[in-house]
Amino acid sequence: MSLPVKVRRQHPIGRYIADFAVPARRLVIEIDGGQHATAVARDEKRSRFLETQGWRVIRFWNSGVTGNLSGVLEAIAAEIERSPTSPRPSPPPGAEREN
């Protein structure tokens, strides 16, 4: 199935840079390497910030991408399909700043 969306690589959002983003669907796709196993708190903080900006975050391990690319692509396509397409919510006032 082909979905008519643009996926951006290394997309800046606030002080973070998303691995991949689908701006029209407010979806961030993160591909995590082994170093993320010890950075759980940092990743959670990052995800919370992105969510306050109106983005949904999905994560995949590098090994999942290399070992099951078709499954990862299917999961991403499913997330894109269920993502809202019309007017995206504005972040709450003051949410642009990270605490």
PDB file of N, CA and C in Angstrom:
ATOM      1  N   MET A   1       0.844  -1.168   0.000  1.00  0.00           N
ATOM      2  CA  MET A   1       0.000   0.000   0.000  1.00  0.00           C
ATOM      3  C   MET A   1       0.890   1.233   0.000  1.00  0.00           C
ATOM      4  N   SER A   2       0.501   2.210  -0.769  1.00  0.00           N
ATOM      5  CA  SER A   2       1.261   3.454  -0.852  1.00  0.00           C
ATOM      6  C   SER A   2       0.490   4.564  -0.148  1.00  0.00           C
ATOM      7  N   LEU A   3       1.142   5.223   0.755  1.00  0.00           N
ATOM      8  CA  LEU A   3       0.500   6.309   1.491  1.00  0.00           C
ATOM      9  C   LEU A   3       1.054   7.635   1.007  1.00  0.00           C
ATOM     10  N   PRO A   4       0.176   8.574   0.673  1.00  0.00           N
ATOM     11  CA  PRO A   4       0.646   9.874   0.151  1.00  0.00           C
ATOM     12  C   PRO A   4       1.084  10.826   1.261  1.00  0.00           C
ATOM     13  N   VAL A   5       2.195  10.525   1.899  1.00  0.00           N
ATOM     14  CA  VAL A   5       2.727  11.399   2.940  1.00  0.00           C
ATOM     15  C   VAL A   5       4.210  11.623   2.689  1.00  0.00           C
ATOM     16  N   LYS A   6       4.704  12.733   3.189  1.00  0.00           N
ATOM     17  CA  LYS A   6       6.132  13.015   3.106  1.00  0.00           C
ATOM     18  C   LYS A   6       6.770  12.683   4.447  1.00  0.00           C
ATOM     19  N   VAL A   7       7.858  11.957   4.365  1.00  0.00           N
ATOM     20  CA  VAL A   7       8.615  11.612   5.559  1.00  0.00           C
ATOM     21  C   VAL A   7       9.908  12.406   5.502  1.00  0.00           C
ATOM     22  N   ARG A   8      10.178  13.118   6.582  1.00  0.00           N
ATOM     23  CA  ARG A   8      11.418  13.913   6.644  1.00  0.00           C
ATOM     24  C   ARG A   8      12.412  13.231   7.561  1.00  0.00           C
ATOM     25  N   ARG A   9      13.655  13.263   7.140  1.00  0.00           N
ATOM     26  CA  ARG A   9      14.750  12.693   7.929  1.00  0.00           C
ATOM     27  C   ARG A   9      15.440  13.818   8.691  1.00  0.00           C
ATOM     28  N   GLN A  10      15.839  13.537   9.935  1.00  0.00           N
ATOM     29  CA  GLN A  10      16.537  14.523  10.764  1.00  0.00           C
ATOM     30  C   GLN A  10      15.725  15.815  10.855  1.00  0.00           C
ATOM     31  N   HIS A  11      14.497  15.698  11.311  1.00  0.00           N
ATOM     32  CA  HIS A  11      13.557  16.824  11.370  1.00  0.00           C
ATOM     33  C   HIS A  11      13.623  17.514  12.743  1.00  0.00           C
ATOM     34  N   PRO A  12      13.979  18.802  12.785  1.00  0.00           N
ATOM     35  CA  PRO A  12      14.060  19.499  14.077  1.00  0.00           C
ATOM     36  C   PRO A  12      12.679  19.805  14.653  1.00  0.00           C
ATOM     37  N   ILE A  13      12.563  19.536  15.949  1.00  0.00           N
ATOM     38  CA  ILE A  13      11.353  19.873  16.704  1.00  0.00           C
ATOM     39  C   ILE A  13      11.844  20.411  18.037  1.00  0.00           C
ATOM     40  N   GLY A  14      11.678  21.705  18.246  1.00  0.00           N
ATOM     41  CA  GLY A  14      12.234  22.304  19.455  1.00  0.00           C
ATOM     42  C   GLY A  14      13.738  22.124  19.453  1.00  0.00           C
ATOM     43  N   ARG A  15      14.285  21.693  20.585  1.00  0.00           N
ATOM     44  CA  ARG A  15      15.729  21.488  20.663  1.00  0.00           C
ATOM     45  C   ARG A  15      16.158  20.088  20.250  1.00  0.00           C
ATOM     46  N   TYR A  16      15.189  19.273  19.840  1.00  0.00           N
ATOM     47  CA  TYR A  16      15.475  17.904  19.439  1.00  0.00           C
ATOM     48  C   TYR A  16      15.454  17.754  17.920  1.00  0.00           C
ATOM     49  N   ILE A  17      16.086  16.696  17.456  1.00  0.00           N
ATOM     50  CA  ILE A  17      16.040  16.348  16.041  1.00  0.00           C
ATOM     51  C   ILE A  17      15.509  14.924  15.961  1.00  0.00           C
ATOM     52  N   ALA A  18      14.330  14.790  15.362  1.00  0.00           N
ATOM     53  CA  ALA A  18      13.712  13.471  15.208  1.00  0.00           C
ATOM     54  C   ALA A  18      14.430  12.701  14.106  1.00  0.00           C
ATOM     55  N   ASP A  19      14.602  11.402  14.300  1.00  0.00           N
ATOM     56  CA  ASP A  19      15.207  10.583  13.247  1.00  0.00           C
ATOM     57  C   ASP A  19      14.390  10.728  11.963  1.00  0.00           C
ATOM     58  N   PHE A  20      13.092  10.519  12.081  1.00  0.00           N
ATOM     59  CA  PHE A  20      12.167  10.677  10.958  1.00  0.00           C
ATOM     60  C   PHE A  20      10.889  11.311  11.488  1.00  0.00           C
ATOM     61  N   ALA A  21      10.231  12.099  10.649  1.00  0.00           N
ATOM     62  CA  ALA A  21       8.969  12.714  11.040  1.00  0.00           C
ATOM     63  C   ALA A  21       8.037  12.767   9.842  1.00  0.00           C
ATOM     64  N   VAL A  22       6.760  12.628  10.138  1.00  0.00           N
ATOM     65  CA  VAL A  22       5.704  12.785   9.139  1.00  0.00           C
ATOM     66  C   VAL A  22       4.891  13.990   9.606  1.00  0.00           C
ATOM     67  N   PRO A  23       5.302  15.199   9.204  1.00  0.00           N
ATOM     68  CA  PRO A  23       4.664  16.407   9.721  1.00  0.00           C
ATOM     69  C   PRO A  23       3.157  16.464   9.503  1.00  0.00           C
ATOM     70  N   ALA A  24       2.674  16.021   8.360  1.00  0.00           N
ATOM     71  CA  ALA A  24       1.238  16.087   8.083  1.00  0.00           C
ATOM     72  C   ALA A  24       0.417  15.232   9.040  1.00  0.00           C
ATOM     73  N   ARG A  25       1.060  14.245   9.653  1.00  0.00           N
ATOM     74  CA  ARG A  25       0.375  13.355  10.597  1.00  0.00           C
ATOM     75  C   ARG A  25       0.885  13.506  12.024  1.00  0.00           C
ATOM     76  N   ARG A  26       1.800  14.448  12.229  1.00  0.00           N
ATOM     77  CA  ARG A  26       2.368  14.716  13.556  1.00  0.00           C
ATOM     78  C   ARG A  26       2.900  13.440  14.196  1.00  0.00           C
ATOM     79  N   LEU A  27       3.678  12.697  13.406  1.00  0.00           N
ATOM     80  CA  LEU A  27       4.223  11.418  13.847  1.00  0.00           C
ATOM     81  C   LEU A  27       5.745  11.468  13.787  1.00  0.00           C
ATOM     82  N   VAL A  28       6.384  11.081  14.888  1.00  0.00           N
ATOM     83  CA  VAL A  28       7.840  10.977  14.960  1.00  0.00           C
ATOM     84  C   VAL A  28       8.191   9.497  15.002  1.00  0.00           C
ATOM     85  N   ILE A  29       9.176   9.118  14.181  1.00  0.00           N
ATOM     86  CA  ILE A  29       9.645   7.736  14.133  1.00  0.00           C
ATOM     87  C   ILE A  29      11.103   7.743  14.570  1.00  0.00           C
ATOM     88  N   GLU A  30      11.379   7.070  15.683  1.00  0.00           N
ATOM     89  CA  GLU A  30      12.730   7.007  16.221  1.00  0.00           C
ATOM     90  C   GLU A  30      13.294   5.609  16.013  1.00  0.00           C
ATOM     91  N   ILE A  31      14.529   5.542  15.566  1.00  0.00           N
ATOM     92  CA  ILE A  31      15.246   4.280  15.394  1.00  0.00           C
ATOM     93  C   ILE A  31      16.366   4.284  16.429  1.00  0.00           C
ATOM     94  N   ASP A  32      16.259   3.380  17.396  1.00  0.00           N
ATOM     95  CA  ASP A  32      17.168   3.388  18.542  1.00  0.00           C
ATOM     96  C   ASP A  32      18.226   2.303  18.454  1.00  0.00           C
ATOM     97  N   GLY A  33      19.467   2.711  18.681  1.00  0.00           N
ATOM     98  CA  GLY A  33      20.586   1.776  18.774  1.00  0.00           C
ATOM     99  C   GLY A  33      20.762   1.313  20.207  1.00  0.00           C
ATOM    100  N   GLY A  34      21.745   0.497  20.429  1.00  0.00           N
ATOM    101  CA  GLY A  34      22.000  -0.083  21.741  1.00  0.00           C
ATOM    102  C   GLY A  34      22.227   0.934  22.846  1.00  0.00           C
ATOM    103  N   GLN A  35      22.766   2.116  22.512  1.00  0.00           N
ATOM    104  CA  GLN A  35      23.024   3.132  23.532  1.00  0.00           C
ATOM    105  C   GLN A  35      21.730   3.608  24.199  1.00  0.00           C
ATOM    106  N   HIS A  36      20.600   3.397  23.553  1.00  0.00           N
ATOM    107  CA  HIS A  36      19.331   3.835  24.133  1.00  0.00           C
ATOM    108  C   HIS A  36      18.863   2.926  25.268  1.00  0.00           C
ATOM    109  N   ALA A  37      19.439   1.741  25.365  1.00  0.00           N
ATOM    110  CA  ALA A  37      19.092   0.834  26.456  1.00  0.00           C
ATOM    111  C   ALA A  37      19.471   1.431  27.809  1.00  0.00           C
ATOM    112  N   THR A  38      20.490   2.272  27.826  1.00  0.00           N
ATOM    113  CA  THR A  38      20.918   2.902  29.080  1.00  0.00           C
ATOM    114  C   THR A  38      20.458   4.351  29.182  1.00  0.00           C
ATOM    115  N   ALA A  39      19.700   4.814  28.214  1.00  0.00           N
ATOM    116  CA  ALA A  39      19.243   6.210  28.197  1.00  0.00           C
ATOM    117  C   ALA A  39      17.717   6.287  28.243  1.00  0.00           C
ATOM    118  N   VAL A  40      17.103   5.373  28.971  1.00  0.00           N
ATOM    119  CA  VAL A  40      15.646   5.299  29.006  1.00  0.00           C
ATOM    120  C   VAL A  40      15.036   6.597  29.534  1.00  0.00           C
ATOM    121  N   ALA A  41      15.545   7.131  30.614  1.00  0.00           N
ATOM    122  CA  ALA A  41      14.994   8.362  31.197  1.00  0.00           C
ATOM    123  C   ALA A  41      15.111   9.522  30.215  1.00  0.00           C
ATOM    124  N   ARG A  42      16.246   9.624  29.550  1.00  0.00           N
ATOM    125  CA  ARG A  42      16.435  10.703  28.566  1.00  0.00           C
ATOM    126  C   ARG A  42      15.453  10.558  27.407  1.00  0.00           C
ATOM    127  N   ASP A  43      15.260   9.332  26.923  1.00  0.00           N
ATOM    128  CA  ASP A  43      14.322   9.101  25.831  1.00  0.00           C
ATOM    129  C   ASP A  43      12.883   9.407  26.251  1.00  0.00           C
ATOM    130  N   GLU A  44      12.535   9.053  27.483  1.00  0.00           N
ATOM    131  CA  GLU A  44      11.187   9.344  27.983  1.00  0.00           C
ATOM    132  C   GLU A  44      10.959  10.857  28.072  1.00  0.00           C
ATOM    133  N   LYS A  45      11.960  11.585  28.543  1.00  0.00           N
ATOM    134  CA  LYS A  45      11.851  13.050  28.629  1.00  0.00           C
ATOM    135  C   LYS A  45      11.662  13.645  27.235  1.00  0.00           C
ATOM    136  N   ARG A  46      12.437  13.164  26.295  1.00  0.00           N
ATOM    137  CA  ARG A  46      12.338  13.627  24.910  1.00  0.00           C
ATOM    138  C   ARG A  46      10.942  13.338  24.344  1.00  0.00           C
ATOM    139  N   SER A  47      10.454  12.119  24.555  1.00  0.00           N
ATOM    140  CA  SER A  47       9.124  11.756  24.051  1.00  0.00           C
ATOM    141  C   SER A  47       8.036  12.612  24.683  1.00  0.00           C
ATOM    142  N   ARG A  48       8.140  12.854  25.988  1.00  0.00           N
ATOM    143  CA  ARG A  48       7.136  13.711  26.661  1.00  0.00           C
ATOM    144  C   ARG A  48       7.133  15.110  26.061  1.00  0.00           C
ATOM    145  N   PHE A  49       8.326  15.665  25.814  1.00  0.00           N
ATOM    146  CA  PHE A  49       8.396  16.993  25.210  1.00  0.00           C
ATOM    147  C   PHE A  49       7.732  16.988  23.839  1.00  0.00           C
ATOM    148  N   LEU A  50       8.076  16.019  23.004  1.00  0.00           N
ATOM    149  CA  LEU A  50       7.492  15.952  21.660  1.00  0.00           C
ATOM    150  C   LEU A  50       5.973  15.823  21.733  1.00  0.00           C
ATOM    151  N   GLU A  51       5.489  15.051  22.691  1.00  0.00           N
ATOM    152  CA  GLU A  51       4.046  14.897  22.853  1.00  0.00           C
ATOM    153  C   GLU A  51       3.383  16.205  23.277  1.00  0.00           C
ATOM    154  N   THR A  52       4.064  17.012  24.095  1.00  0.00           N
ATOM    155  CA  THR A  52       3.480  18.315  24.463  1.00  0.00           C
ATOM    156  C   THR A  52       3.380  19.235  23.259  1.00  0.00           C
ATOM    157  N   GLN A  53       4.163  18.954  22.236  1.00  0.00           N
ATOM    158  CA  GLN A  53       4.130  19.747  21.012  1.00  0.00           C
ATOM    159  C   GLN A  53       3.116  19.195  20.008  1.00  0.00           C
ATOM    160  N   GLY A  54       2.369  18.165  20.403  1.00  0.00           N
ATOM    161  CA  GLY A  54       1.339  17.605  19.543  1.00  0.00           C
ATOM    162  C   GLY A  54       1.808  16.463  18.649  1.00  0.00           C
ATOM    163  N   TRP A  55       2.981  15.900  18.921  1.00  0.00           N
ATOM    164  CA  TRP A  55       3.522  14.800  18.123  1.00  0.00           C
ATOM    165  C   TRP A  55       3.301  13.478  18.843  1.00  0.00           C
ATOM    166  N   ARG A  56       3.097  12.403  18.078  1.00  0.00           N
ATOM    167  CA  ARG A  56       3.107  11.046  18.607  1.00  0.00           C
ATOM    168  C   ARG A  56       4.457  10.443  18.269  1.00  0.00           C
ATOM    169  N   VAL A  57       4.996   9.646  19.168  1.00  0.00           N
ATOM    170  CA  VAL A  57       6.331   9.071  18.978  1.00  0.00           C
ATOM    171  C   VAL A  57       6.217   7.551  18.960  1.00  0.00           C
ATOM    172  N   ILE A  58       6.808   6.947  17.919  1.00  0.00           N
ATOM    173  CA  ILE A  58       6.940   5.495  17.902  1.00  0.00           C
ATOM    174  C   ILE A  58       8.426   5.169  17.773  1.00  0.00           C
ATOM    175  N   ARG A  59       8.832   4.081  18.408  1.00  0.00           N
ATOM    176  CA  ARG A  59      10.247   3.722  18.450  1.00  0.00           C
ATOM    177  C   ARG A  59      10.459   2.291  17.981  1.00  0.00           C
ATOM    178  N   PHE A  60      11.577   2.099  17.311  1.00  0.00           N
ATOM    179  CA  PHE A  60      11.994   0.782  16.863  1.00  0.00           C
ATOM    180  C   PHE A  60      13.474   0.626  17.175  1.00  0.00           C
ATOM    181  N   TRP A  61      13.896  -0.588  17.488  1.00  0.00           N
ATOM    182  CA  TRP A  61      15.301  -0.886  17.686  1.00  0.00           C
ATOM    183  C   TRP A  61      15.962  -1.068  16.328  1.00  0.00           C
ATOM    184  N   ASN A  62      17.221  -0.669  16.219  1.00  0.00           N
ATOM    185  CA  ASN A  62      17.986  -0.900  14.987  1.00  0.00           C
ATOM    186  C   ASN A  62      17.884  -2.355  14.545  1.00  0.00           C
ATOM    187  N   SER A  63      18.027  -3.276  15.494  1.00  0.00           N
ATOM    188  CA  SER A  63      17.990  -4.700  15.161  1.00  0.00           C
ATOM    189  C   SER A  63      16.640  -5.098  14.571  1.00  0.00           C
ATOM    190  N   GLY A  64      15.562  -4.459  15.012  1.00  0.00           N
ATOM    191  CA  GLY A  64      14.246  -4.730  14.444  1.00  0.00           C
ATOM    192  C   GLY A  64      14.144  -4.249  13.014  1.00  0.00           C
ATOM    193  N   VAL A  65      14.757  -3.102  12.745  1.00  0.00           N
ATOM    194  CA  VAL A  65      14.731  -2.547  11.392  1.00  0.00           C
ATOM    195  C   VAL A  65      15.547  -3.438  10.454  1.00  0.00           C
ATOM    196  N   THR A  66      16.745  -3.822  10.881  1.00  0.00           N
ATOM    197  CA  THR A  66      17.587  -4.634   9.999  1.00  0.00           C
ATOM    198  C   THR A  66      17.093  -6.071   9.893  1.00  0.00           C
ATOM    199  N   GLY A  67      16.480  -6.590  10.950  1.00  0.00           N
ATOM    200  CA  GLY A  67      16.037  -7.980  10.940  1.00  0.00           C
ATOM    201  C   GLY A  67      14.616  -8.197  10.458  1.00  0.00           C
ATOM    202  N   ASN A  68      13.813  -7.137  10.452  1.00  0.00           N
ATOM    203  CA  ASN A  68      12.410  -7.281  10.071  1.00  0.00           C
ATOM    204  C   ASN A  68      11.915  -5.984   9.445  1.00  0.00           C
ATOM    205  N   LEU A  69      12.580  -5.521   8.418  1.00  0.00           N
ATOM    206  CA  LEU A  69      12.240  -4.249   7.789  1.00  0.00           C
ATOM    207  C   LEU A  69      10.792  -4.219   7.319  1.00  0.00           C
ATOM    208  N   SER A  70      10.316  -5.284   6.703  1.00  0.00           N
ATOM    209  CA  SER A  70       8.938  -5.261   6.204  1.00  0.00           C
ATOM    210  C   SER A  70       7.941  -5.123   7.352  1.00  0.00           C
ATOM    211  N   GLY A  71       8.215  -5.768   8.481  1.00  0.00           N
ATOM    212  CA  GLY A  71       7.328  -5.633   9.643  1.00  0.00           C
ATOM    213  C   GLY A  71       7.339  -4.226  10.211  1.00  0.00           C
ATOM    214  N   VAL A  72       8.513  -3.620  10.262  1.00  0.00           N
ATOM    215  CA  VAL A  72       8.632  -2.244  10.758  1.00  0.00           C
ATOM    216  C   VAL A  72       7.884  -1.291   9.822  1.00  0.00           C
ATOM    217  N   LEU A  73       8.059  -1.470   8.521  1.00  0.00           N
ATOM    218  CA  LEU A  73       7.361  -0.609   7.556  1.00  0.00           C
ATOM    219  C   LEU A  73       5.849  -0.779   7.651  1.00  0.00           C
ATOM    220  N   GLU A  74       5.386  -1.990   7.870  1.00  0.00           N
ATOM    221  CA  GLU A  74       3.942  -2.211   8.057  1.00  0.00           C
ATOM    222  C   GLU A  74       3.445  -1.506   9.305  1.00  0.00           C
ATOM    223  N   ALA A  75       4.213  -1.570  10.384  1.00  0.00           N
ATOM    224  CA  ALA A  75       3.823  -0.903  11.630  1.00  0.00           C
ATOM    225  C   ALA A  75       3.771   0.615  11.434  1.00  0.00           C
ATOM    226  N   ILE A  76       4.746   1.157  10.714  1.00  0.00           N
ATOM    227  CA  ILE A  76       4.758   2.598  10.445  1.00  0.00           C
ATOM    228  C   ILE A  76       3.563   2.981   9.582  1.00  0.00           C
ATOM    229  N   ALA A  77       3.279   2.200   8.546  1.00  0.00           N
ATOM    230  CA  ALA A  77       2.131   2.480   7.677  1.00  0.00           C
ATOM    231  C   ALA A  77       0.828   2.461   8.473  1.00  0.00           C
ATOM    232  N   ALA A  78       0.691   1.503   9.391  1.00  0.00           N
ATOM    233  CA  ALA A  78      -0.514   1.436  10.226  1.00  0.00           C
ATOM    234  C   ALA A  78      -0.635   2.673  11.103  1.00  0.00           C
ATOM    235  N   GLU A  79       0.476   3.135  11.674  1.00  0.00           N
ATOM    236  CA  GLU A  79       0.447   4.351  12.505  1.00  0.00           C
ATOM    237  C   GLU A  79       0.076   5.569  11.673  1.00  0.00           C
ATOM    238  N   ILE A  80       0.615   5.650  10.470  1.00  0.00           N
ATOM    239  CA  ILE A  80       0.297   6.785   9.594  1.00  0.00           C
ATOM    240  C   ILE A  80      -1.188   6.776   9.257  1.00  0.00           C
ATOM    241  N   GLU A  81      -1.726   5.608   8.942  1.00  0.00           N
ATOM    242  CA  GLU A  81      -3.143   5.518   8.583  1.00  0.00           C
ATOM    243  C   GLU A  81      -4.053   5.924   9.728  1.00  0.00           C
ATOM    244  N   ARG A  82      -3.683   5.606  10.963  1.00  0.00           N
ATOM    245  CA  ARG A  82      -4.556   5.967  12.074  1.00  0.00           C
ATOM    246  C   ARG A  82      -4.296   7.353  12.628  1.00  0.00           C
ATOM    247  N   SER A  83      -3.311   8.036  12.098  1.00  0.00           N
ATOM    248  CA  SER A  83      -3.000   9.394  12.553  1.00  0.00           C
ATOM    249  C   SER A  83      -4.006  10.383  11.985  1.00  0.00           C
ATOM    250  N   PRO A  84      -4.373  11.374  12.774  1.00  0.00           N
ATOM    251  CA  PRO A  84      -5.287  12.399  12.258  1.00  0.00           C
ATOM    252  C   PRO A  84      -4.630  13.190  11.124  1.00  0.00           C
ATOM    253  N   THR A  85      -5.460  13.606  10.178  1.00  0.00           N
ATOM    254  CA  THR A  85      -4.926  14.347   9.042  1.00  0.00           C
ATOM    255  C   THR A  85      -5.378  15.791   9.024  1.00  0.00           C
ATOM    256  N   SER A  86      -6.427  16.132   9.730  1.00  0.00           N
ATOM    257  CA  SER A  86      -6.873  17.498   9.657  1.00  0.00           C
ATOM    258  C   SER A  86      -6.725  18.170  10.981  1.00  0.00           C
ATOM    259  N   PRO A  87      -6.996  19.449  10.955  1.00  0.00           N
ATOM    260  CA  PRO A  87      -6.141  20.398  11.642  1.00  0.00           C
ATOM    261  C   PRO A  87      -5.500  19.844  12.888  1.00  0.00           C
ATOM    262  N   ARG A  88      -4.208  20.004  12.899  1.00  0.00           N
ATOM    263  CA  ARG A  88      -3.453  19.496  14.028  1.00  0.00           C
ATOM    264  C   ARG A  88      -3.649  20.420  15.222  1.00  0.00           C
ATOM    265  N   PRO A  89      -3.720  19.817  16.384  1.00  0.00           N
ATOM    266  CA  PRO A  89      -3.924  20.654  17.572  1.00  0.00           C
ATOM    267  C   PRO A  89      -2.708  21.512  17.854  1.00  0.00           C
ATOM    268  N   SER A  90      -2.973  22.694  18.326  1.00  0.00           N
ATOM    269  CA  SER A  90      -1.879  23.573  18.750  1.00  0.00           C
ATOM    270  C   SER A  90      -1.389  23.098  20.102  1.00  0.00           C
ATOM    271  N   PRO A  91      -0.102  23.218  20.344  1.00  0.00           N
ATOM    272  CA  PRO A  91       0.383  22.878  21.677  1.00  0.00           C
ATOM    273  C   PRO A  91      -0.175  23.865  22.697  1.00  0.00           C
ATOM    274  N   PRO A  92      -0.305  23.436  23.938  1.00  0.00           N
ATOM    275  CA  PRO A  92      -0.793  24.357  24.952  1.00  0.00           C
ATOM    276  C   PRO A  92       0.128  25.553  25.107  1.00  0.00           C
ATOM    277  N   PRO A  93      -0.386  26.687  25.562  1.00  0.00           N
ATOM    278  CA  PRO A  93       0.455  27.878  25.738  1.00  0.00           C
ATOM    279  C   PRO A  93       1.666  27.572  26.592  1.00  0.00           C
ATOM    280  N   GLY A  94       2.818  28.037  26.155  1.00  0.00           N
ATOM    281  CA  GLY A  94       4.056  27.843  26.890  1.00  0.00           C
ATOM    282  C   GLY A  94       4.680  26.475  26.702  1.00  0.00           C
ATOM    283  N   ALA A  95       4.042  25.595  25.935  1.00  0.00           N
ATOM    284  CA  ALA A  95       4.560  24.233  25.763  1.00  0.00           C
ATOM    285  C   ALA A  95       5.798  24.182  24.898  1.00  0.00           C
ATOM    286  N   GLU A  96       6.079  25.245  24.145  1.00  0.00           N
ATOM    287  CA  GLU A  96       7.259  25.246  23.289  1.00  0.00           C
ATOM    288  C   GLU A  96       8.542  25.143  24.096  1.00  0.00           C
ATOM    289  N   ARG A  97       8.490  25.586  25.321  1.00  0.00           N
ATOM    290  CA  ARG A  97       9.691  25.547  26.165  1.00  0.00           C
ATOM    291  C   ARG A  97       9.782  24.240  26.902  1.00  0.00           C
ATOM    292  N   GLU A  98      10.971  23.733  26.977  1.00  0.00           N
ATOM    293  CA  GLU A  98      11.197  22.501  27.725  1.00  0.00           C
ATOM    294  C   GLU A  98      11.642  22.884  29.122  1.00  0.00           C
ATOM    295  N   ASN A  99      11.088  22.182  30.124  1.00  0.00           N
ATOM    296  CA  ASN A  99      11.448  22.467  31.510  1.00  0.00           C
ATOM    297  C   ASN A  99      12.678  21.729  31.910  1.00  0.00           C
TER     298      ASN A  99
END
